Amino acid sequence: MPRSPRSRPISALTACAGALAYTVSKVDLARDGELGMPGFPAPPEAYAQVTDVTAAQLGNAGLGLLMAVVALLLVRPPAARWLRRSVAGVSWLGIAMVGAGVIGFGARAAGVAPGLGERPPHMATAVAALVVGALWVAGWSVATAGVMRGARTTPPTSATSTTRAARTR
């Protein structure tokens, strides 16, 4: 079944919103001097490994902004093939990283991976963070797949058609 022409931009904007939610959460945690994720506080021993909690969380917020920009590039993919492929490659890497985080934190919340930390003390906040993460991954995946599919099916431009016609003469 063909996808709506709006599905990729909507998915890309969903991914961008997920990245911005992550960014805002990291700025909030930096302001409070806390490690972890919303609903998933870091264990006390983690603070011994981080010399500057605020800088670490602001660095994560910066990464979130970068992921938001990459997601925005999927709304109207770059025309240059190398740049479009680079955006898709970075997107798949980001999808893998965020997806692994959602799976890991989901396992922690379910209590099936005690090595990842205690179950969250505020389950509603943890579930909300997991839902945002899952929507982020889903939107980013759909948008990236759409860009890759669109690159294979995009008809040649008139300049390309003219060049091809000249070569076949």
N, C-alpha and C. Protein backbone atom coordinates (compact mmCIF):
# COMPACT_ATOMS: atom_id res chain seq x y z
N MET A 1 0.85 -1.18 0.00
CA MET A 1 0.00 0.00 0.00
C MET A 1 0.89 1.23 0.00
N PRO A 2 0.68 2.18 -0.93
CA PRO A 2 1.52 3.37 -0.98
C PRO A 2 1.29 4.25 0.24
N ARG A 3 2.37 4.87 0.69
CA ARG A 3 2.28 5.76 1.84
C ARG A 3 1.81 7.14 1.40
N SER A 4 1.21 7.85 2.32
CA SER A 4 0.79 9.22 2.07
C SER A 4 2.03 10.08 1.88
N PRO A 5 1.97 11.09 1.00
CA PRO A 5 3.13 11.96 0.83
C PRO A 5 3.46 12.72 2.11
N ARG A 6 2.54 12.77 3.05
CA ARG A 6 2.77 13.48 4.31
C ARG A 6 3.38 12.60 5.39
N SER A 7 3.44 11.30 5.18
CA SER A 7 3.90 10.42 6.27
C SER A 7 5.34 10.68 6.65
N ARG A 8 6.24 10.91 5.67
CA ARG A 8 7.64 11.15 6.02
C ARG A 8 7.81 12.46 6.78
N PRO A 9 7.23 13.59 6.31
CA PRO A 9 7.40 14.82 7.08
C PRO A 9 6.80 14.73 8.49
N ILE A 10 5.64 14.10 8.61
CA ILE A 10 5.03 13.96 9.93
C ILE A 10 5.90 13.09 10.83
N SER A 11 6.43 12.02 10.27
CA SER A 11 7.32 11.14 11.05
C SER A 11 8.60 11.87 11.44
N ALA A 12 9.15 12.65 10.52
CA ALA A 12 10.37 13.40 10.82
C ALA A 12 10.11 14.43 11.91
N LEU A 13 8.97 15.09 11.86
CA LEU A 13 8.64 16.07 12.91
C LEU A 13 8.38 15.38 14.24
N THR A 14 7.83 14.17 14.22
CA THR A 14 7.66 13.39 15.45
C THR A 14 9.02 13.06 16.05
N ALA A 15 9.96 12.66 15.18
CA ALA A 15 11.32 12.36 15.65
C ALA A 15 11.99 13.61 16.21
N CYS A 16 11.79 14.74 15.55
CA CYS A 16 12.35 16.00 16.03
C CYS A 16 11.77 16.35 17.40
N ALA A 17 10.47 16.16 17.56
CA ALA A 17 9.83 16.43 18.86
C ALA A 17 10.39 15.52 19.95
N GLY A 18 10.63 14.25 19.62
CA GLY A 18 11.24 13.34 20.59
C GLY A 18 12.63 13.80 21.00
N ALA A 19 13.42 14.23 20.02
CA ALA A 19 14.77 14.71 20.32
C ALA A 19 14.72 15.98 21.17
N LEU A 20 13.77 16.85 20.88
CA LEU A 20 13.64 18.07 21.69
C LEU A 20 13.16 17.76 23.10
N ALA A 21 12.28 16.78 23.25
CA ALA A 21 11.85 16.37 24.59
C ALA A 21 13.04 15.83 25.39
N TYR A 22 13.88 15.04 24.73
CA TYR A 22 15.10 14.53 25.36
C TYR A 22 16.00 15.70 25.78
N THR A 23 16.16 16.68 24.88
CA THR A 23 17.00 17.83 25.16
C THR A 23 16.49 18.60 26.38
N VAL A 24 15.21 18.87 26.40
CA VAL A 24 14.62 19.61 27.52
C VAL A 24 14.79 18.82 28.82
N SER A 25 14.61 17.50 28.77
CA SER A 25 14.75 16.70 29.99
C SER A 25 16.18 16.74 30.50
N LYS A 26 17.15 16.74 29.59
CA LYS A 26 18.55 16.79 30.00
C LYS A 26 18.92 18.14 30.58
N VAL A 27 18.38 19.23 30.03
CA VAL A 27 18.62 20.56 30.59
C VAL A 27 18.01 20.64 31.99
N ASP A 28 16.81 20.08 32.15
CA ASP A 28 16.15 20.07 33.46
C ASP A 28 16.98 19.29 34.48
N LEU A 29 17.47 18.12 34.08
CA LEU A 29 18.30 17.32 34.99
C LEU A 29 19.61 18.04 35.30
N ALA A 30 20.19 18.73 34.30
CA ALA A 30 21.43 19.49 34.53
C ALA A 30 21.19 20.60 35.54
N ARG A 31 20.06 21.28 35.41
CA ARG A 31 19.71 22.36 36.33
C ARG A 31 19.60 21.84 37.76
N ASP A 32 19.09 20.62 37.91
CA ASP A 32 18.92 20.03 39.24
C ASP A 32 20.17 19.27 39.71
N GLY A 33 21.18 19.15 38.83
CA GLY A 33 22.40 18.43 39.19
C GLY A 33 22.20 16.94 39.33
N GLU A 34 21.32 16.37 38.50
CA GLU A 34 21.00 14.95 38.58
C GLU A 34 21.46 14.20 37.33
N LEU A 35 21.85 12.96 37.53
CA LEU A 35 22.16 12.06 36.42
C LEU A 35 20.95 11.16 36.18
N GLY A 36 20.94 10.53 35.03
CA GLY A 36 19.87 9.58 34.71
C GLY A 36 18.96 10.14 33.64
N MET A 37 17.75 9.61 33.63
CA MET A 37 16.71 10.02 32.70
C MET A 37 15.46 10.32 33.52
N PRO A 38 14.50 11.07 32.95
CA PRO A 38 13.27 11.30 33.71
C PRO A 38 12.63 9.97 34.11
N GLY A 39 12.38 9.83 35.41
CA GLY A 39 11.78 8.61 35.92
C GLY A 39 12.79 7.52 36.24
N PHE A 40 14.03 7.70 35.79
CA PHE A 40 15.07 6.70 35.99
C PHE A 40 16.31 7.35 36.61
N PRO A 41 16.29 7.60 37.91
CA PRO A 41 17.46 8.22 38.53
C PRO A 41 18.68 7.29 38.47
N ALA A 42 19.83 7.91 38.34
CA ALA A 42 21.07 7.13 38.32
C ALA A 42 21.40 6.67 39.73
N PRO A 43 22.06 5.51 39.84
CA PRO A 43 22.45 5.04 41.18
C PRO A 43 23.51 5.98 41.78
N PRO A 44 23.59 6.04 43.10
CA PRO A 44 24.54 6.94 43.77
C PRO A 44 25.99 6.75 43.30
N GLU A 45 26.39 5.52 43.01
CA GLU A 45 27.77 5.28 42.59
C GLU A 45 28.09 5.92 41.23
N ALA A 46 27.08 6.23 40.44
CA ALA A 46 27.31 6.87 39.14
C ALA A 46 27.86 8.28 39.32
N TYR A 47 27.50 8.94 40.42
CA TYR A 47 27.97 10.30 40.66
C TYR A 47 29.47 10.34 40.93
N ALA A 48 30.03 9.24 41.42
CA ALA A 48 31.47 9.17 41.66
C ALA A 48 32.25 9.11 40.36
N GLN A 49 31.61 8.67 39.29
CA GLN A 49 32.28 8.52 37.99
C GLN A 49 32.19 9.78 37.13
N VAL A 50 31.33 10.73 37.51
CA VAL A 50 31.13 11.94 36.72
C VAL A 50 31.62 13.13 37.53
N THR A 51 32.61 13.83 37.00
CA THR A 51 33.17 14.96 37.76
C THR A 51 32.27 16.20 37.72
N ASP A 52 31.59 16.44 36.62
CA ASP A 52 30.71 17.60 36.51
C ASP A 52 29.37 17.16 35.91
N VAL A 53 28.41 16.95 36.79
CA VAL A 53 27.10 16.45 36.39
C VAL A 53 26.42 17.43 35.43
N THR A 54 26.50 18.72 35.74
CA THR A 54 25.85 19.72 34.90
C THR A 54 26.42 19.70 33.48
N ALA A 55 27.74 19.67 33.38
CA ALA A 55 28.37 19.65 32.05
C ALA A 55 28.02 18.37 31.29
N ALA A 56 27.98 17.26 32.00
CA ALA A 56 27.65 15.98 31.34
C ALA A 56 26.23 16.02 30.80
N GLN A 57 25.28 16.51 31.58
CA GLN A 57 23.90 16.55 31.13
C GLN A 57 23.71 17.60 30.03
N LEU A 58 24.43 18.72 30.10
CA LEU A 58 24.32 19.72 29.03
C LEU A 58 24.95 19.18 27.74
N GLY A 59 25.98 18.36 27.86
CA GLY A 59 26.54 17.69 26.68
C GLY A 59 25.52 16.76 26.05
N ASN A 60 24.79 16.03 26.89
CA ASN A 60 23.71 15.17 26.38
C ASN A 60 22.61 16.00 25.72
N ALA A 61 22.32 17.16 26.29
CA ALA A 61 21.32 18.05 25.70
C ALA A 61 21.79 18.52 24.32
N GLY A 62 23.07 18.82 24.20
CA GLY A 62 23.62 19.20 22.90
C GLY A 62 23.47 18.09 21.88
N LEU A 63 23.70 16.87 22.29
CA LEU A 63 23.50 15.71 21.41
C LEU A 63 22.03 15.62 21.00
N GLY A 64 21.13 15.89 21.92
CA GLY A 64 19.71 15.90 21.61
C GLY A 64 19.37 16.94 20.55
N LEU A 65 19.97 18.12 20.66
CA LEU A 65 19.74 19.15 19.64
C LEU A 65 20.26 18.72 18.27
N LEU A 66 21.42 18.07 18.27
CA LEU A 66 21.97 17.56 17.01
C LEU A 66 21.02 16.54 16.39
N MET A 67 20.46 15.65 17.21
CA MET A 67 19.52 14.66 16.69
C MET A 67 18.25 15.33 16.18
N ALA A 68 17.83 16.43 16.81
CA ALA A 68 16.65 17.17 16.32
C ALA A 68 16.93 17.76 14.94
N VAL A 69 18.13 18.30 14.74
CA VAL A 69 18.50 18.86 13.44
C VAL A 69 18.53 17.77 12.37
N VAL A 70 19.11 16.63 12.71
CA VAL A 70 19.16 15.51 11.75
C VAL A 70 17.74 15.09 11.38
N ALA A 71 16.85 15.01 12.36
CA ALA A 71 15.46 14.64 12.08
C ALA A 71 14.80 15.69 11.18
N LEU A 72 15.09 16.96 11.40
CA LEU A 72 14.52 18.01 10.55
C LEU A 72 15.01 17.90 9.11
N LEU A 73 16.24 17.43 8.93
CA LEU A 73 16.75 17.25 7.57
C LEU A 73 15.96 16.19 6.80
N LEU A 74 15.22 15.36 7.50
CA LEU A 74 14.42 14.32 6.86
C LEU A 74 13.06 14.86 6.37
N VAL A 75 12.67 16.04 6.83
CA VAL A 75 11.41 16.63 6.37
C VAL A 75 11.51 16.93 4.88
N ARG A 76 12.59 17.57 4.49
CA ARG A 76 12.90 17.85 3.08
C ARG A 76 14.34 17.43 2.87
N PRO A 77 14.57 16.19 2.50
CA PRO A 77 15.94 15.67 2.39
C PRO A 77 16.79 16.49 1.43
N PRO A 78 18.08 16.59 1.73
CA PRO A 78 18.99 17.30 0.83
C PRO A 78 18.98 16.67 -0.57
N ALA A 79 19.17 17.49 -1.57
CA ALA A 79 19.17 17.00 -2.95
C ALA A 79 20.44 16.22 -3.27
N ALA A 80 21.56 16.63 -2.69
CA ALA A 80 22.82 15.95 -2.97
C ALA A 80 22.78 14.53 -2.42
N ARG A 81 23.08 13.57 -3.29
CA ARG A 81 22.99 12.17 -2.90
C ARG A 81 23.88 11.85 -1.70
N TRP A 82 25.13 12.34 -1.69
CA TRP A 82 26.06 12.02 -0.61
C TRP A 82 25.55 12.59 0.72
N LEU A 83 24.95 13.79 0.68
CA LEU A 83 24.44 14.39 1.91
C LEU A 83 23.19 13.65 2.39
N ARG A 84 22.30 13.29 1.45
CA ARG A 84 21.10 12.54 1.80
C ARG A 84 21.48 11.19 2.43
N ARG A 85 22.47 10.52 1.84
CA ARG A 85 22.91 9.23 2.39
C ARG A 85 23.58 9.42 3.75
N SER A 86 24.31 10.50 3.91
CA SER A 86 24.94 10.77 5.20
C SER A 86 23.89 11.00 6.28
N VAL A 87 22.85 11.77 5.94
CA VAL A 87 21.76 12.02 6.90
C VAL A 87 21.08 10.70 7.26
N ALA A 88 20.85 9.85 6.26
CA ALA A 88 20.23 8.55 6.53
C ALA A 88 21.13 7.68 7.41
N GLY A 89 22.42 7.68 7.13
CA GLY A 89 23.35 6.88 7.94
C GLY A 89 23.41 7.35 9.38
N VAL A 90 23.49 8.66 9.57
CA VAL A 90 23.50 9.22 10.93
C VAL A 90 22.17 8.91 11.61
N SER A 91 21.09 8.97 10.85
CA SER A 91 19.77 8.67 11.42
C SER A 91 19.70 7.23 11.89
N TRP A 92 20.16 6.28 11.07
CA TRP A 92 20.11 4.87 11.49
C TRP A 92 20.95 4.64 12.73
N LEU A 93 22.10 5.32 12.83
CA LEU A 93 22.93 5.21 14.03
C LEU A 93 22.18 5.75 15.25
N GLY A 94 21.55 6.91 15.09
CA GLY A 94 20.77 7.49 16.18
C GLY A 94 19.59 6.62 16.58
N ILE A 95 18.92 6.05 15.58
CA ILE A 95 17.79 5.15 15.86
C ILE A 95 18.26 3.96 16.68
N ALA A 96 19.41 3.40 16.32
CA ALA A 96 19.95 2.25 17.06
C ALA A 96 20.27 2.64 18.51
N MET A 97 20.88 3.82 18.69
CA MET A 97 21.25 4.26 20.04
C MET A 97 20.01 4.52 20.90
N VAL A 98 19.07 5.27 20.36
CA VAL A 98 17.87 5.59 21.13
C VAL A 98 17.04 4.33 21.36
N GLY A 99 16.94 3.48 20.35
CA GLY A 99 16.20 2.23 20.49
C GLY A 99 16.79 1.34 21.57
N ALA A 100 18.13 1.26 21.61
CA ALA A 100 18.79 0.47 22.66
C ALA A 100 18.48 1.05 24.03
N GLY A 101 18.45 2.37 24.12
CA GLY A 101 18.11 3.01 25.39
C GLY A 101 16.69 2.70 25.83
N VAL A 102 15.77 2.77 24.90
CA VAL A 102 14.36 2.47 25.22
C VAL A 102 14.23 1.02 25.69
N ILE A 103 14.89 0.11 24.99
CA ILE A 103 14.82 -1.30 25.38
C ILE A 103 15.45 -1.51 26.76
N GLY A 104 16.61 -0.91 26.98
CA GLY A 104 17.29 -1.05 28.28
C GLY A 104 16.49 -0.47 29.43
N PHE A 105 15.99 0.75 29.24
CA PHE A 105 15.19 1.36 30.30
C PHE A 105 13.86 0.64 30.48
N GLY A 106 13.31 0.11 29.38
CA GLY A 106 12.08 -0.68 29.50
C GLY A 106 12.32 -1.94 30.31
N ALA A 107 13.45 -2.60 30.07
CA ALA A 107 13.80 -3.80 30.84
C ALA A 107 14.00 -3.45 32.31
N ARG A 108 14.62 -2.30 32.56
CA ARG A 108 14.82 -1.85 33.95
C ARG A 108 13.47 -1.59 34.61
N ALA A 109 12.57 -0.92 33.91
CA ALA A 109 11.25 -0.61 34.48
C ALA A 109 10.46 -1.89 34.76
N ALA A 110 10.60 -2.87 33.88
CA ALA A 110 9.88 -4.13 34.07
C ALA A 110 10.52 -5.01 35.14
N GLY A 111 11.72 -4.65 35.56
CA GLY A 111 12.40 -5.44 36.58
C GLY A 111 13.05 -6.70 36.05
N VAL A 112 13.17 -6.84 34.72
CA VAL A 112 13.76 -8.05 34.15
C VAL A 112 15.26 -7.95 33.96
N ALA A 113 15.82 -6.77 34.23
CA ALA A 113 17.27 -6.58 34.10
C ALA A 113 17.80 -5.83 35.32
N PRO A 114 17.90 -6.52 36.45
CA PRO A 114 18.33 -5.83 37.68
C PRO A 114 19.73 -5.24 37.58
N GLY A 115 20.54 -5.75 36.67
CA GLY A 115 21.88 -5.20 36.49
C GLY A 115 21.87 -3.79 35.92
N LEU A 116 20.75 -3.36 35.36
CA LEU A 116 20.64 -2.01 34.79
C LEU A 116 20.19 -0.99 35.83
N GLY A 117 19.85 -1.44 37.02
CA GLY A 117 19.45 -0.51 38.08
C GLY A 117 18.12 -0.91 38.69
N GLU A 118 17.80 -0.19 39.73
CA GLU A 118 16.54 -0.42 40.45
C GLU A 118 15.35 -0.06 39.56
N ARG A 119 14.21 -0.65 39.88
CA ARG A 119 12.98 -0.24 39.20
C ARG A 119 12.72 1.23 39.51
N PRO A 120 12.12 1.96 38.59
CA PRO A 120 11.89 3.39 38.80
C PRO A 120 10.98 3.67 39.99
N PRO A 121 11.32 4.68 40.78
CA PRO A 121 10.48 5.01 41.93
C PRO A 121 9.17 5.68 41.52
N HIS A 122 9.17 6.38 40.39
CA HIS A 122 7.97 7.06 39.89
C HIS A 122 7.61 6.45 38.54
N MET A 123 6.83 5.38 38.59
CA MET A 123 6.55 4.59 37.39
C MET A 123 5.84 5.40 36.31
N ALA A 124 4.96 6.33 36.67
CA ALA A 124 4.25 7.12 35.66
C ALA A 124 5.22 7.96 34.83
N THR A 125 6.18 8.58 35.48
CA THR A 125 7.19 9.37 34.77
C THR A 125 8.04 8.47 33.89
N ALA A 126 8.41 7.31 34.40
CA ALA A 126 9.22 6.36 33.64
C ALA A 126 8.48 5.87 32.40
N VAL A 127 7.21 5.54 32.55
CA VAL A 127 6.42 5.07 31.42
C VAL A 127 6.27 6.19 30.38
N ALA A 128 6.05 7.40 30.84
CA ALA A 128 5.94 8.54 29.91
C ALA A 128 7.24 8.70 29.11
N ALA A 129 8.39 8.59 29.79
CA ALA A 129 9.68 8.69 29.10
C ALA A 129 9.85 7.57 28.08
N LEU A 130 9.42 6.37 28.43
CA LEU A 130 9.51 5.24 27.50
C LEU A 130 8.60 5.43 26.29
N VAL A 131 7.42 5.96 26.50
CA VAL A 131 6.49 6.21 25.38
C VAL A 131 7.07 7.26 24.44
N VAL A 132 7.61 8.33 25.01
CA VAL A 132 8.24 9.37 24.17
C VAL A 132 9.40 8.75 23.38
N GLY A 133 10.22 7.95 24.03
CA GLY A 133 11.34 7.31 23.35
C GLY A 133 10.89 6.38 22.24
N ALA A 134 9.84 5.60 22.49
CA ALA A 134 9.34 4.67 21.48
C ALA A 134 8.76 5.44 20.28
N LEU A 135 8.02 6.51 20.53
CA LEU A 135 7.49 7.33 19.43
C LEU A 135 8.62 7.99 18.64
N TRP A 136 9.65 8.43 19.34
CA TRP A 136 10.82 9.03 18.72
C TRP A 136 11.46 8.03 17.75
N VAL A 137 11.71 6.83 18.23
CA VAL A 137 12.33 5.79 17.40
C VAL A 137 11.44 5.43 16.22
N ALA A 138 10.14 5.28 16.47
CA ALA A 138 9.22 4.91 15.38
C ALA A 138 9.17 6.01 14.31
N GLY A 139 9.01 7.25 14.74
CA GLY A 139 8.96 8.35 13.78
C GLY A 139 10.24 8.49 12.99
N TRP A 140 11.36 8.39 13.68
CA TRP A 140 12.66 8.52 13.02
C TRP A 140 12.88 7.38 12.03
N SER A 141 12.45 6.19 12.40
CA SER A 141 12.60 5.02 11.51
C SER A 141 11.77 5.18 10.24
N VAL A 142 10.51 5.58 10.40
CA VAL A 142 9.64 5.76 9.24
C VAL A 142 10.18 6.85 8.32
N ALA A 143 10.62 7.97 8.91
CA ALA A 143 11.13 9.08 8.10
C ALA A 143 12.40 8.67 7.36
N THR A 144 13.30 7.97 8.03
CA THR A 144 14.56 7.56 7.39
C THR A 144 14.30 6.54 6.29
N ALA A 145 13.43 5.58 6.56
CA ALA A 145 13.10 4.60 5.52
C ALA A 145 12.46 5.29 4.33
N GLY A 146 11.62 6.29 4.59
CA GLY A 146 10.99 7.03 3.51
C GLY A 146 11.99 7.79 2.66
N VAL A 147 13.00 8.36 3.28
CA VAL A 147 14.04 9.07 2.54
C VAL A 147 14.82 8.09 1.67
N MET A 148 15.12 6.93 2.22
CA MET A 148 15.87 5.93 1.45
C MET A 148 15.03 5.39 0.30
N ARG A 149 13.77 5.14 0.55
CA ARG A 149 12.88 4.64 -0.49
C ARG A 149 12.68 5.72 -1.56
N GLY A 150 12.51 6.97 -1.13
CA GLY A 150 12.32 8.07 -2.06
C GLY A 150 13.53 8.29 -2.95
N ALA A 151 14.73 8.06 -2.41
CA ALA A 151 15.95 8.24 -3.20
C ALA A 151 16.03 7.22 -4.33
N ARG A 152 15.48 6.02 -4.11
CA ARG A 152 15.52 4.97 -5.14
C ARG A 152 14.45 5.17 -6.20
N THR A 153 13.36 5.83 -5.83
CA THR A 153 12.24 5.95 -6.76
C THR A 153 12.09 7.34 -7.34
N THR A 154 12.96 8.29 -6.97
CA THR A 154 12.85 9.65 -7.48
C THR A 154 13.14 9.67 -8.97
N PRO A 155 12.22 10.23 -9.76
CA PRO A 155 12.47 10.29 -11.19
C PRO A 155 13.63 11.25 -11.47
N PRO A 156 14.38 11.02 -12.53
CA PRO A 156 15.50 11.90 -12.84
C PRO A 156 15.01 13.31 -13.17
N THR A 157 15.87 14.28 -12.88
CA THR A 157 15.54 15.66 -13.20
C THR A 157 15.69 15.87 -14.69
N SER A 158 15.20 16.99 -15.18
CA SER A 158 15.28 17.24 -16.62
C SER A 158 16.73 17.33 -17.08
N ALA A 159 17.63 17.88 -16.24
CA ALA A 159 19.05 17.96 -16.62
C ALA A 159 19.63 16.56 -16.74
N THR A 160 19.27 15.68 -15.81
CA THR A 160 19.76 14.31 -15.87
C THR A 160 19.21 13.60 -17.09
N SER A 161 17.94 13.82 -17.39
CA SER A 161 17.33 13.20 -18.56
C SER A 161 17.99 13.67 -19.85
N THR A 162 18.31 14.98 -19.90
CA THR A 162 18.96 15.52 -21.09
C THR A 162 20.35 14.92 -21.25
N THR A 163 21.08 14.79 -20.14
CA THR A 163 22.43 14.20 -20.19
C THR A 163 22.35 12.76 -20.64
N ARG A 164 21.41 11.99 -20.12
CA ARG A 164 21.26 10.59 -20.52
C ARG A 164 20.91 10.48 -22.00
N ALA A 165 20.00 11.35 -22.46
CA ALA A 165 19.60 11.32 -23.87
C ALA A 165 20.78 11.63 -24.77
N ALA A 166 21.62 12.57 -24.34
CA ALA A 166 22.79 12.93 -25.17
C ALA A 166 23.77 11.75 -25.24
N ARG A 167 23.91 11.00 -24.13
CA ARG A 167 24.84 9.87 -24.12
C ARG A 167 24.35 8.72 -24.99
N THR A 168 23.06 8.57 -25.15
CA THR A 168 22.52 7.44 -25.92
C THR A 168 22.47 7.72 -27.42
N ARG A 169 22.70 8.94 -27.81
CA ARG A 169 22.65 9.28 -29.25
C ARG A 169 23.83 8.78 -30.00
